[in-house]
Structures are given as C-alpha cells and as structure tokens.
Amino acid sequence: MTALCVDPSGARLASGSVDYDVCFWDFAGVDSGMRSFRTLQPCDNHPIRGLHYSATGDLMLVVSGAAQAKVLDRDGFEQLKTVKGDMYISDQAKTKGHTTGLLAGAWS
C-alpha cells in the first residue's frame, strides 16, 4: 500500500498501491472476510502515489505516476481527468498540463 485516505465522515477508506489498484472499503458494510466492496485500476499501469477525498467527501483525487490526475466519485466512477501537456514542446509556457509523472496532489 502506498496511499490511504479516509472520507471526512469516517465511513469509508480508500487504499492505493504499486500494483495499480485502488480499493474502496465501507466500514458499515465490511463482512468477516474483510474484503473491499470495489477494486479498480483508474490509472492504467501507473502506481498510485496519492489519494485525497474532497472536503465534502463526494469526490476523490487520484495521483499516480502518470502526467494526469483523475477525480473519482464516492463509488469509484471517473468524473474528470486533468489535461496532459505536450512533452515534446521545450517551452513549458506553450503547453497546458503536466508533462511528467505526478508525485503529489491536493484539493484547494
């Protein structure tokens, strides 16, 4: 596991790892097998480096080794993907978005 976050209400936990998986855990619905209710790979073969719930808990920011961050809803469905910059342009002022892998992210 490389990333953990708990939603603001404390009802759900999300975990991310180097095997590209994000697992969603619901504390109220956990059975004796202690299995997550959803596992997905939102960032196509990039390890998960950071997970962050929004202040309201309805969205989650997923930061991976890719140049694009993703925003998932509470149940893990993709809502938004950030813009990817053109990595072949040498003047970074002439491209929008990140051109290299992300290391961290946060809500503002």
PDB file of N, CA and C in Angstrom:
ATOM      1  N   MET A   1       0.838  -1.170   0.000  1.00  0.00           N
ATOM      2  CA  MET A   1       0.000   0.000   0.000  1.00  0.00           C
ATOM      3  C   MET A   1       0.889   1.240   0.000  1.00  0.00           C
ATOM      4  N   THR A   2       0.557   2.180  -0.872  1.00  0.00           N
ATOM      5  CA  THR A   2       1.338   3.416  -0.940  1.00  0.00           C
ATOM      6  C   THR A   2       0.506   4.645  -0.635  1.00  0.00           C
ATOM      7  N   ALA A   3      -0.821   4.498  -0.571  1.00  0.00           N
ATOM      8  CA  ALA A   3      -1.689   5.642  -0.313  1.00  0.00           C
ATOM      9  C   ALA A   3      -2.930   5.197   0.448  1.00  0.00           C
ATOM     10  N   LEU A   4      -3.326   6.003   1.411  1.00  0.00           N
ATOM     11  CA  LEU A   4      -4.540   5.774   2.194  1.00  0.00           C
ATOM     12  C   LEU A   4      -5.267   7.091   2.378  1.00  0.00           C
ATOM     13  N   CYS A   5      -6.589   7.047   2.380  1.00  0.00           N
ATOM     14  CA  CYS A   5      -7.361   8.226   2.770  1.00  0.00           C
ATOM     15  C   CYS A   5      -8.705   7.778   3.323  1.00  0.00           C
ATOM     16  N   VAL A   6      -9.194   8.548   4.261  1.00  0.00           N
ATOM     17  CA  VAL A   6     -10.495   8.305   4.888  1.00  0.00           C
ATOM     18  C   VAL A   6     -11.381   9.483   4.538  1.00  0.00           C
ATOM     19  N   ASP A   7     -12.637   9.204   4.170  1.00  0.00           N
ATOM     20  CA  ASP A   7     -13.531  10.313   3.837  1.00  0.00           C
ATOM     21  C   ASP A   7     -13.842  11.128   5.082  1.00  0.00           C
ATOM     22  N   PRO A   8     -14.280  12.381   4.926  1.00  0.00           N
ATOM     23  CA  PRO A   8     -14.494  13.260   6.082  1.00  0.00           C
ATOM     24  C   PRO A   8     -15.483  12.730   7.112  1.00  0.00           C
ATOM     25  N   SER A   9     -16.458  11.922   6.691  1.00  0.00           N
ATOM     26  CA  SER A   9     -17.427  11.374   7.643  1.00  0.00           C
ATOM     27  C   SER A   9     -16.861  10.192   8.432  1.00  0.00           C
ATOM     28  N   GLY A  10     -15.756   9.614   7.933  1.00  0.00           N
ATOM     29  CA  GLY A  10     -15.146   8.470   8.602  1.00  0.00           C
ATOM     30  C   GLY A  10     -15.806   7.147   8.269  1.00  0.00           C
ATOM     31  N   ALA A  11     -16.670   7.138   7.256  1.00  0.00           N
ATOM     32  CA  ALA A  11     -17.406   5.923   6.904  1.00  0.00           C
ATOM     33  C   ALA A  11     -16.677   5.061   5.882  1.00  0.00           C
ATOM     34  N   ARG A  12     -15.805   5.676   5.083  1.00  0.00           N
ATOM     35  CA  ARG A  12     -15.126   4.938   4.021  1.00  0.00           C
ATOM     36  C   ARG A  12     -13.631   5.194   4.034  1.00  0.00           C
ATOM     37  N   LEU A  13     -12.918   4.179   3.547  1.00  0.00           N
ATOM     38  CA  LEU A  13     -11.469   4.239   3.423  1.00  0.00           C
ATOM     39  C   LEU A  13     -11.124   3.832   1.999  1.00  0.00           C
ATOM     40  N   ALA A  14     -10.130   4.493   1.421  1.00  0.00           N
ATOM     41  CA  ALA A  14      -9.630   4.107   0.099  1.00  0.00           C
ATOM     42  C   ALA A  14      -8.142   3.830   0.241  1.00  0.00           C
ATOM     43  N   SER A  15      -7.672   2.782  -0.429  1.00  0.00           N
ATOM     44  CA  SER A  15      -6.254   2.451  -0.397  1.00  0.00           C
ATOM     45  C   SER A  15      -5.756   2.279  -1.822  1.00  0.00           C
ATOM     46  N   GLY A  16      -4.525   2.719  -2.064  1.00  0.00           N
ATOM     47  CA  GLY A  16      -3.899   2.583  -3.368  1.00  0.00           C
ATOM     48  C   GLY A  16      -2.549   1.923  -3.209  1.00  0.00           C
ATOM     49  N   SER A  17      -2.066   1.289  -4.280  1.00  0.00           N
ATOM     50  CA  SER A  17      -0.815   0.553  -4.143  1.00  0.00           C
ATOM     51  C   SER A  17      -0.021   0.548  -5.442  1.00  0.00           C
ATOM     52  N   VAL A  18       1.171  -0.027  -5.373  1.00  0.00           N
ATOM     53  CA  VAL A  18       2.049  -0.108  -6.537  1.00  0.00           C
ATOM     54  C   VAL A  18       1.558  -1.134  -7.554  1.00  0.00           C
ATOM     55  N   ASP A  19       0.578  -1.947  -7.210  1.00  0.00           N
ATOM     56  CA  ASP A  19       0.013  -2.880  -8.182  1.00  0.00           C
ATOM     57  C   ASP A  19      -1.127  -2.245  -8.978  1.00  0.00           C
ATOM     58  N   TYR A  20      -1.213  -0.892  -8.948  1.00  0.00           N
ATOM     59  CA  TYR A  20      -2.139  -0.069  -9.736  1.00  0.00           C
ATOM     60  C   TYR A  20      -3.573  -0.082  -9.229  1.00  0.00           C
ATOM     61  N   ASP A  21      -3.873  -0.799  -8.157  1.00  0.00           N
ATOM     62  CA  ASP A  21      -5.245  -0.932  -7.672  1.00  0.00           C
ATOM     63  C   ASP A  21      -5.608   0.154  -6.670  1.00  0.00           C
ATOM     64  N   VAL A  22      -6.865   0.583  -6.734  1.00  0.00           N
ATOM     65  CA  VAL A  22      -7.485   1.407  -5.700  1.00  0.00           C
ATOM     66  C   VAL A  22      -8.634   0.579  -5.149  1.00  0.00           C
ATOM     67  N   CYS A  23      -8.624   0.366  -3.834  1.00  0.00           N
ATOM     68  CA  CYS A  23      -9.670  -0.415  -3.171  1.00  0.00           C
ATOM     69  C   CYS A  23     -10.508   0.505  -2.301  1.00  0.00           C
ATOM     70  N   PHE A  24     -11.816   0.318  -2.342  1.00  0.00           N
ATOM     71  CA  PHE A  24     -12.754   1.091  -1.538  1.00  0.00           C
ATOM     72  C   PHE A  24     -13.314   0.197  -0.445  1.00  0.00           C
ATOM     73  N   TRP A  25     -13.256   0.692   0.780  1.00  0.00           N
ATOM     74  CA  TRP A  25     -13.727  -0.053   1.944  1.00  0.00           C
ATOM     75  C   TRP A  25     -14.840   0.759   2.609  1.00  0.00           C
ATOM     76  N   ASP A  26     -15.939   0.109   2.926  1.00  0.00           N
ATOM     77  CA  ASP A  26     -17.055   0.738   3.628  1.00  0.00           C
ATOM     78  C   ASP A  26     -17.136   0.109   5.008  1.00  0.00           C
ATOM     79  N   PHE A  27     -16.853   0.881   6.042  1.00  0.00           N
ATOM     80  CA  PHE A  27     -16.793   0.330   7.396  1.00  0.00           C
ATOM     81  C   PHE A  27     -18.128  -0.269   7.832  1.00  0.00           C
ATOM     82  N   ALA A  28     -19.231   0.307   7.412  1.00  0.00           N
ATOM     83  CA  ALA A  28     -20.542  -0.215   7.818  1.00  0.00           C
ATOM     84  C   ALA A  28     -20.877  -1.533   7.121  1.00  0.00           C
ATOM     85  N   GLY A  29     -20.304  -1.774   5.941  1.00  0.00           N
ATOM     86  CA  GLY A  29     -20.662  -2.963   5.193  1.00  0.00           C
ATOM     87  C   GLY A  29     -19.602  -4.047   5.157  1.00  0.00           C
ATOM     88  N   VAL A  30     -18.567  -3.951   5.981  1.00  0.00           N
ATOM     89  CA  VAL A  30     -17.490  -4.944   5.974  1.00  0.00           C
ATOM     90  C   VAL A  30     -17.987  -6.245   6.610  1.00  0.00           C
ATOM     91  N   ASP A  31     -17.757  -7.347   5.908  1.00  0.00           N
ATOM     92  CA  ASP A  31     -18.137  -8.651   6.448  1.00  0.00           C
ATOM     93  C   ASP A  31     -16.940  -9.298   7.143  1.00  0.00           C
ATOM     94  N   SER A  32     -17.079 -10.517   7.558  1.00  0.00           N
ATOM     95  CA  SER A  32     -15.994 -11.193   8.275  1.00  0.00           C
ATOM     96  C   SER A  32     -14.786 -11.466   7.384  1.00  0.00           C
ATOM     97  N   GLY A  33     -14.967 -11.449   6.063  1.00  0.00           N
ATOM     98  CA  GLY A  33     -13.859 -11.658   5.124  1.00  0.00           C
ATOM     99  C   GLY A  33     -12.977 -10.433   4.959  1.00  0.00           C
ATOM    100  N   MET A  34     -13.425  -9.282   5.462  1.00  0.00           N
ATOM    101  CA  MET A  34     -12.670  -8.018   5.413  1.00  0.00           C
ATOM    102  C   MET A  34     -12.265  -7.656   3.982  1.00  0.00           C
ATOM    103  N   ARG A  35     -13.162  -7.838   3.024  1.00  0.00           N
ATOM    104  CA  ARG A  35     -12.865  -7.524   1.630  1.00  0.00           C
ATOM    105  C   ARG A  35     -13.411  -6.149   1.262  1.00  0.00           C
ATOM    106  N   SER A  36     -12.733  -5.499   0.337  1.00  0.00           N
ATOM    107  CA  SER A  36     -13.211  -4.208  -0.141  1.00  0.00           C
ATOM    108  C   SER A  36     -14.454  -4.420  -0.998  1.00  0.00           C
ATOM    109  N   PHE A  37     -15.306  -3.384  -1.092  1.00  0.00           N
ATOM    110  CA  PHE A  37     -16.506  -3.542  -1.909  1.00  0.00           C
ATOM    111  C   PHE A  37     -16.247  -3.196  -3.372  1.00  0.00           C
ATOM    112  N   ARG A  38     -15.128  -2.543  -3.657  1.00  0.00           N
ATOM    113  CA  ARG A  38     -14.789  -2.251  -5.052  1.00  0.00           C
ATOM    114  C   ARG A  38     -13.283  -2.126  -5.191  1.00  0.00           C
ATOM    115  N   THR A  39     -12.735  -2.725  -6.238  1.00  0.00           N
ATOM    116  CA  THR A  39     -11.320  -2.612  -6.593  1.00  0.00           C
ATOM    117  C   THR A  39     -11.244  -2.236  -8.061  1.00  0.00           C
ATOM    118  N   LEU A  40     -10.460  -1.217  -8.375  1.00  0.00           N
ATOM    119  CA  LEU A  40     -10.328  -0.792  -9.761  1.00  0.00           C
ATOM    120  C   LEU A  40      -8.922  -0.292 -10.036  1.00  0.00           C
ATOM    121  N   GLN A  41      -8.590  -0.176 -11.310  1.00  0.00           N
ATOM    122  CA  GLN A  41      -7.303   0.366 -11.751  1.00  0.00           C
ATOM    123  C   GLN A  41      -7.579   1.628 -12.557  1.00  0.00           C
ATOM    124  N   PRO A  42      -7.688   2.779 -11.896  1.00  0.00           N
ATOM    125  CA  PRO A  42      -8.095   4.001 -12.591  1.00  0.00           C
ATOM    126  C   PRO A  42      -7.019   4.624 -13.471  1.00  0.00           C
ATOM    127  N   CYS A  43      -5.767   4.260 -13.290  1.00  0.00           N
ATOM    128  CA  CYS A  43      -4.681   4.963 -13.972  1.00  0.00           C
ATOM    129  C   CYS A  43      -3.826   4.071 -14.849  1.00  0.00           C
ATOM    130  N   ASP A  44      -4.387   3.044 -15.431  1.00  0.00           N
ATOM    131  CA  ASP A  44      -3.727   2.219 -16.447  1.00  0.00           C
ATOM    132  C   ASP A  44      -2.226   2.017 -16.250  1.00  0.00           C
ATOM    133  N   ASN A  45      -1.865   1.070 -15.462  1.00  0.00           N
ATOM    134  CA  ASN A  45      -0.463   0.670 -15.278  1.00  0.00           C
ATOM    135  C   ASN A  45       0.453   1.746 -14.713  1.00  0.00           C
ATOM    136  N   HIS A  46      -0.072   2.555 -13.808  1.00  0.00           N
ATOM    137  CA  HIS A  46       0.746   3.514 -13.074  1.00  0.00           C
ATOM    138  C   HIS A  46       0.487   3.299 -11.584  1.00  0.00           C
ATOM    139  N   PRO A  47       1.537   3.223 -10.769  1.00  0.00           N
ATOM    140  CA  PRO A  47       1.326   3.028  -9.330  1.00  0.00           C
ATOM    141  C   PRO A  47       0.621   4.229  -8.710  1.00  0.00           C
ATOM    142  N   ILE A  48      -0.206   3.961  -7.743  1.00  0.00           N
ATOM    143  CA  ILE A  48      -0.960   5.016  -7.066  1.00  0.00           C
ATOM    144  C   ILE A  48      -0.042   5.667  -6.034  1.00  0.00           C
ATOM    145  N   ARG A  49       0.118   6.977  -6.136  1.00  0.00           N
ATOM    146  CA  ARG A  49       1.007   7.713  -5.222  1.00  0.00           C
ATOM    147  C   ARG A  49       0.256   8.531  -4.185  1.00  0.00           C
ATOM    148  N   GLY A  50      -0.977   8.867  -4.457  1.00  0.00           N
ATOM    149  CA  GLY A  50      -1.743   9.662  -3.504  1.00  0.00           C
ATOM    150  C   GLY A  50      -3.228   9.559  -3.745  1.00  0.00           C
ATOM    151  N   LEU A  51      -3.996   9.536  -2.658  1.00  0.00           N
ATOM    152  CA  LEU A  51      -5.455   9.552  -2.690  1.00  0.00           C
ATOM    153  C   LEU A  51      -5.914  10.613  -1.707  1.00  0.00           C
ATOM    154  N   HIS A  52      -6.870  11.441  -2.119  1.00  0.00           N
ATOM    155  CA  HIS A  52      -7.345  12.520  -1.254  1.00  0.00           C
ATOM    156  C   HIS A  52      -8.831  12.750  -1.496  1.00  0.00           C
ATOM    157  N   TYR A  53      -9.645  12.590  -0.439  1.00  0.00           N
ATOM    158  CA  TYR A  53     -11.062  12.919  -0.534  1.00  0.00           C
ATOM    159  C   TYR A  53     -11.225  14.424  -0.489  1.00  0.00           C
ATOM    160  N   SER A  54     -12.257  14.937  -1.166  1.00  0.00           N
ATOM    161  CA  SER A  54     -12.572  16.354  -1.100  1.00  0.00           C
ATOM    162  C   SER A  54     -13.133  16.663   0.287  1.00  0.00           C
ATOM    163  N   ALA A  55     -13.299  17.932   0.594  1.00  0.00           N
ATOM    164  CA  ALA A  55     -13.795  18.347   1.911  1.00  0.00           C
ATOM    165  C   ALA A  55     -15.193  17.820   2.188  1.00  0.00           C
ATOM    166  N   THR A  56     -15.992  17.637   1.150  1.00  0.00           N
ATOM    167  CA  THR A  56     -17.348  17.119   1.327  1.00  0.00           C
ATOM    168  C   THR A  56     -17.400  15.594   1.275  1.00  0.00           C
ATOM    169  N   GLY A  57     -16.352  14.959   0.773  1.00  0.00           N
ATOM    170  CA  GLY A  57     -16.290  13.507   0.705  1.00  0.00           C
ATOM    171  C   GLY A  57     -16.972  12.903  -0.502  1.00  0.00           C
ATOM    172  N   ASP A  58     -17.490  13.729  -1.408  1.00  0.00           N
ATOM    173  CA  ASP A  58     -18.179  13.185  -2.579  1.00  0.00           C
ATOM    174  C   ASP A  58     -17.240  12.919  -3.755  1.00  0.00           C
ATOM    175  N   LEU A  59     -16.016  13.448  -3.720  1.00  0.00           N
ATOM    176  CA  LEU A  59     -15.035  13.238  -4.781  1.00  0.00           C
ATOM    177  C   LEU A  59     -13.693  12.819  -4.190  1.00  0.00           C
ATOM    178  N   MET A  60     -12.898  12.118  -5.004  1.00  0.00           N
ATOM    179  CA  MET A  60     -11.569  11.706  -4.561  1.00  0.00           C
ATOM    180  C   MET A  60     -10.557  11.973  -5.662  1.00  0.00           C
ATOM    181  N   LEU A  61      -9.455  12.603  -5.305  1.00  0.00           N
ATOM    182  CA  LEU A  61      -8.352  12.871  -6.216  1.00  0.00           C
ATOM    183  C   LEU A  61      -7.408  11.679  -6.197  1.00  0.00           C
ATOM    184  N   VAL A  62      -7.082  11.157  -7.384  1.00  0.00           N
ATOM    185  CA  VAL A  62      -6.165  10.029  -7.511  1.00  0.00           C
ATOM    186  C   VAL A  62      -4.917  10.525  -8.235  1.00  0.00           C
ATOM    187  N   VAL A  63      -3.770  10.420  -7.571  1.00  0.00           N
ATOM    188  CA  VAL A  63      -2.491  10.834  -8.148  1.00  0.00           C
ATOM    189  C   VAL A  63      -1.663   9.576  -8.381  1.00  0.00           C
ATOM    190  N   SER A  64      -1.229   9.410  -9.620  1.00  0.00           N
ATOM    191  CA  SER A  64      -0.422   8.235  -9.957  1.00  0.00           C
ATOM    192  C   SER A  64       0.878   8.696 -10.600  1.00  0.00           C
ATOM    193  N   GLY A  65       1.634   7.767 -11.106  1.00  0.00           N
ATOM    194  CA  GLY A  65       2.874   8.104 -11.792  1.00  0.00           C
ATOM    195  C   GLY A  65       2.647   8.688 -13.169  1.00  0.00           C
ATOM    196  N   ALA A  66       1.398   8.819 -13.601  1.00  0.00           N
ATOM    197  CA  ALA A  66       1.071   9.389 -14.903  1.00  0.00           C
ATOM    198  C   ALA A  66       1.105  10.912 -14.840  1.00  0.00           C
ATOM    199  N   ALA A  67       1.051  11.553 -15.984  1.00  0.00           N
ATOM    200  CA  ALA A  67       1.049  13.012 -16.053  1.00  0.00           C
ATOM    201  C   ALA A  67      -0.345  13.589 -15.826  1.00  0.00           C
ATOM    202  N   GLN A  68      -1.343  12.745 -15.655  1.00  0.00           N
ATOM    203  CA  GLN A  68      -2.709  13.194 -15.446  1.00  0.00           C
ATOM    204  C   GLN A  68      -3.239  12.675 -14.122  1.00  0.00           C
ATOM    205  N   ALA A  69      -3.862  13.560 -13.358  1.00  0.00           N
ATOM    206  CA  ALA A  69      -4.573  13.153 -12.157  1.00  0.00           C
ATOM    207  C   ALA A  69      -6.014  12.861 -12.551  1.00  0.00           C
ATOM    208  N   LYS A  70      -6.673  12.034 -11.771  1.00  0.00           N
ATOM    209  CA  LYS A  70      -8.077  11.720 -12.034  1.00  0.00           C
ATOM    210  C   LYS A  70      -8.899  12.045 -10.802  1.00  0.00           C
ATOM    211  N   VAL A  71     -10.151  12.395 -11.047  1.00  0.00           N
ATOM    212  CA  VAL A  71     -11.106  12.638  -9.976  1.00  0.00           C
ATOM    213  C   VAL A  71     -12.200  11.591 -10.116  1.00  0.00           C
ATOM    214  N   LEU A  72     -12.399  10.839  -9.042  1.00  0.00           N
ATOM    215  CA  LEU A  72     -13.424   9.796  -8.995  1.00  0.00           C
ATOM    216  C   LEU A  72     -14.531  10.229  -8.058  1.00  0.00           C
ATOM    217  N   ASP A  73     -15.733   9.717  -8.281  1.00  0.00           N
ATOM    218  CA  ASP A  73     -16.805   9.996  -7.334  1.00  0.00           C
ATOM    219  C   ASP A  73     -16.689   9.047  -6.142  1.00  0.00           C
ATOM    220  N   ARG A  74     -17.599   9.155  -5.237  1.00  0.00           N
ATOM    221  CA  ARG A  74     -17.561   8.388  -3.982  1.00  0.00           C
ATOM    222  C   ARG A  74     -17.523   6.877  -4.204  1.00  0.00           C
ATOM    223  N   ASP A  75     -18.087   6.417  -5.307  1.00  0.00           N
ATOM    224  CA  ASP A  75     -18.143   4.989  -5.583  1.00  0.00           C
ATOM    225  C   ASP A  75     -17.081   4.509  -6.567  1.00  0.00           C
ATOM    226  N   GLY A  76     -16.172   5.393  -6.983  1.00  0.00           N
ATOM    227  CA  GLY A  76     -15.054   4.996  -7.820  1.00  0.00           C
ATOM    228  C   GLY A  76     -15.238   5.199  -9.308  1.00  0.00           C
ATOM    229  N   PHE A  77     -16.281   5.912  -9.714  1.00  0.00           N
ATOM    230  CA  PHE A  77     -16.502   6.155 -11.135  1.00  0.00           C
ATOM    231  C   PHE A  77     -15.835   7.464 -11.548  1.00  0.00           C
ATOM    232  N   GLU A  78     -15.142   7.443 -12.680  1.00  0.00           N
ATOM    233  CA  GLU A  78     -14.372   8.602 -13.119  1.00  0.00           C
ATOM    234  C   GLU A  78     -15.278   9.789 -13.453  1.00  0.00           C
ATOM    235  N   GLN A  79     -14.928  10.945 -12.903  1.00  0.00           N
ATOM    236  CA  GLN A  79     -15.667  12.169 -13.150  1.00  0.00           C
ATOM    237  C   GLN A  79     -14.879  13.155 -14.010  1.00  0.00           C
ATOM    238  N   LEU A  80     -13.539  13.129 -13.867  1.00  0.00           N
ATOM    239  CA  LEU A  80     -12.711  14.125 -14.527  1.00  0.00           C
ATOM    240  C   LEU A  80     -11.283  13.619 -14.644  1.00  0.00           C
ATOM    241  N   LYS A  81     -10.619  14.018 -15.702  1.00  0.00           N
ATOM    242  CA  LYS A  81      -9.207  13.718 -15.896  1.00  0.00           C
ATOM    243  C   LYS A  81      -8.527  15.035 -16.246  1.00  0.00           C
ATOM    244  N   THR A  82      -7.419  15.359 -15.603  1.00  0.00           N
ATOM    245  CA  THR A  82      -6.738  16.620 -15.880  1.00  0.00           C
ATOM    246  C   THR A  82      -6.088  16.603 -17.258  1.00  0.00           C
ATOM    247  N   VAL A  83      -5.757  17.773 -17.747  1.00  0.00           N
ATOM    248  CA  VAL A  83      -5.157  17.933 -19.066  1.00  0.00           C
ATOM    249  C   VAL A  83      -3.718  17.439 -19.032  1.00  0.00           C
ATOM    250  N   LYS A  84      -3.320  16.745 -20.098  1.00  0.00           N
ATOM    251  CA  LYS A  84      -1.937  16.288 -20.222  1.00  0.00           C
ATOM    252  C   LYS A  84      -1.212  17.220 -21.183  1.00  0.00           C
ATOM    253  N   GLY A  85      -0.059  17.748 -20.745  1.00  0.00           N
ATOM    254  CA  GLY A  85       0.727  18.639 -21.585  1.00  0.00           C
ATOM    255  C   GLY A  85       1.497  17.875 -22.657  1.00  0.00           C
ATOM    256  N   ASP A  86       1.971  18.604 -23.645  1.00  0.00           N
ATOM    257  CA  ASP A  86       2.763  18.017 -24.727  1.00  0.00           C
ATOM    258  C   ASP A  86       4.215  17.942 -24.285  1.00  0.00           C
ATOM    259  N   MET A  87       4.721  16.741 -24.068  1.00  0.00           N
ATOM    260  CA  MET A  87       6.073  16.570 -23.531  1.00  0.00           C
ATOM    261  C   MET A  87       7.172  16.877 -24.542  1.00  0.00           C
ATOM    262  N   TYR A  88       6.819  17.098 -25.791  1.00  0.00           N
ATOM    263  CA  TYR A  88       7.822  17.376 -26.816  1.00  0.00           C
ATOM    264  C   TYR A  88       8.033  18.870 -27.062  1.00  0.00           C
ATOM    265  N   ILE A  89       7.269  19.717 -26.392  1.00  0.00           N
ATOM    266  CA  ILE A  89       7.461  21.165 -26.505  1.00  0.00           C
ATOM    267  C   ILE A  89       8.480  21.582 -25.457  1.00  0.00           C
ATOM    268  N   SER A  90       9.548  22.240 -25.880  1.00  0.00           N
ATOM    269  CA  SER A  90      10.611  22.605 -24.939  1.00  0.00           C
ATOM    270  C   SER A  90      10.240  23.817 -24.082  1.00  0.00           C
ATOM    271  N   ASP A  91       9.396  24.724 -24.582  1.00  0.00           N
ATOM    272  CA  ASP A  91       8.959  25.888 -23.802  1.00  0.00           C
ATOM    273  C   ASP A  91       7.671  25.514 -23.071  1.00  0.00           C
ATOM    274  N   GLN A  92       7.771  25.254 -21.776  1.00  0.00           N
ATOM    275  CA  GLN A  92       6.632  24.783 -20.993  1.00  0.00           C
ATOM    276  C   GLN A  92       5.503  25.808 -20.903  1.00  0.00           C
ATOM    277  N   ALA A  93       5.797  27.080 -21.184  1.00  0.00           N
ATOM    278  CA  ALA A  93       4.754  28.101 -21.161  1.00  0.00           C
ATOM    279  C   ALA A  93       3.787  27.936 -22.333  1.00  0.00           C
ATOM    280  N   LYS A  94       4.154  27.152 -23.320  1.00  0.00           N
ATOM    281  CA  LYS A  94       3.321  26.979 -24.515  1.00  0.00           C
ATOM    282  C   LYS A  94       2.521  25.684 -24.510  1.00  0.00           C
ATOM    283  N   THR A  95       2.450  25.026 -23.384  1.00  0.00           N
ATOM    284  CA  THR A  95       1.625  23.829 -23.263  1.00  0.00           C
ATOM    285  C   THR A  95       0.866  23.884 -21.945  1.00  0.00           C
ATOM    286  N   LYS A  96      -0.306  23.280 -21.923  1.00  0.00           N
ATOM    287  CA  LYS A  96      -1.111  23.235 -20.703  1.00  0.00           C
ATOM    288  C   LYS A  96      -1.015  21.840 -20.114  1.00  0.00           C
ATOM    289  N   GLY A  97      -1.025  21.750 -18.808  1.00  0.00           N
ATOM    290  CA  GLY A  97      -0.999  20.456 -18.146  1.00  0.00           C
ATOM    291  C   GLY A  97       0.399  19.996 -17.809  1.00  0.00           C
ATOM    292  N   HIS A  98       0.467  18.897 -17.101  1.00  0.00           N
ATOM    293  CA  HIS A  98       1.738  18.311 -16.683  1.00  0.00           C
ATOM    294  C   HIS A  98       2.326  17.482 -17.816  1.00  0.00           C
ATOM    295  N   THR A  99       3.640  17.505 -17.916  1.00  0.00           N
ATOM    296  CA  THR A  99       4.314  16.738 -18.960  1.00  0.00           C
ATOM    297  C   THR A  99       5.084  15.549 -18.421  1.00  0.00           C
ATOM    298  N   THR A 100       5.242  15.467 -17.115  1.00  0.00           N
ATOM    299  CA  THR A 100       5.929  14.335 -16.491  1.00  0.00           C
ATOM    300  C   THR A 100       5.026  13.750 -15.409  1.00  0.00           C
ATOM    301  N   GLY A 101       5.441  12.627 -14.846  1.00  0.00           N
ATOM    302  CA  GLY A 101       4.646  11.954 -13.826  1.00  0.00           C
ATOM    303  C   GLY A 101       4.423  12.795 -12.589  1.00  0.00           C
ATOM    304  N   LEU A 102       3.236  12.707 -12.023  1.00  0.00           N
ATOM    305  CA  LEU A 102       2.896  13.452 -10.815  1.00  0.00           C
ATOM    306  C   LEU A 102       3.441  12.757  -9.582  1.00  0.00           C
ATOM    307  N   LEU A 103       3.803  13.539  -8.593  1.00  0.00           N
ATOM    308  CA  LEU A 103       4.305  12.999  -7.337  1.00  0.00           C
ATOM    309  C   LEU A 103       3.313  13.159  -6.206  1.00  0.00           C
ATOM    310  N   ALA A 104       2.493  14.228  -6.242  1.00  0.00           N
ATOM    311  CA  ALA A 104       1.545  14.508  -5.157  1.00  0.00           C
ATOM    312  C   ALA A 104       0.423  15.374  -5.690  1.00  0.00           C
ATOM    313  N   GLY A 105      -0.604  15.525  -4.903  1.00  0.00           N
ATOM    314  CA  GLY A 105      -1.735  16.376  -5.266  1.00  0.00           C
ATOM    315  C   GLY A 105      -2.536  16.723  -4.035  1.00  0.00           C
ATOM    316  N   ALA A 106      -3.357  17.762  -4.126  1.00  0.00           N
ATOM    317  CA  ALA A 106      -4.182  18.174  -3.003  1.00  0.00           C
ATOM    318  C   ALA A 106      -5.374  18.973  -3.523  1.00  0.00           C
ATOM    319  N   TRP A 107      -6.425  19.028  -2.723  1.00  0.00           N
ATOM    320  CA  TRP A 107      -7.590  19.858  -3.043  1.00  0.00           C
ATOM    321  C   TRP A 107      -7.319  21.266  -2.576  1.00  0.00           C
ATOM    322  N   SER A 108      -7.887  22.221  -3.270  1.00  0.00           N
ATOM    323  CA  SER A 108      -7.702  23.626  -2.905  1.00  0.00           C
ATOM    324  C   SER A 108      -9.060  24.267  -2.727  1.00  0.00           C
TER     325      SER A 108
END
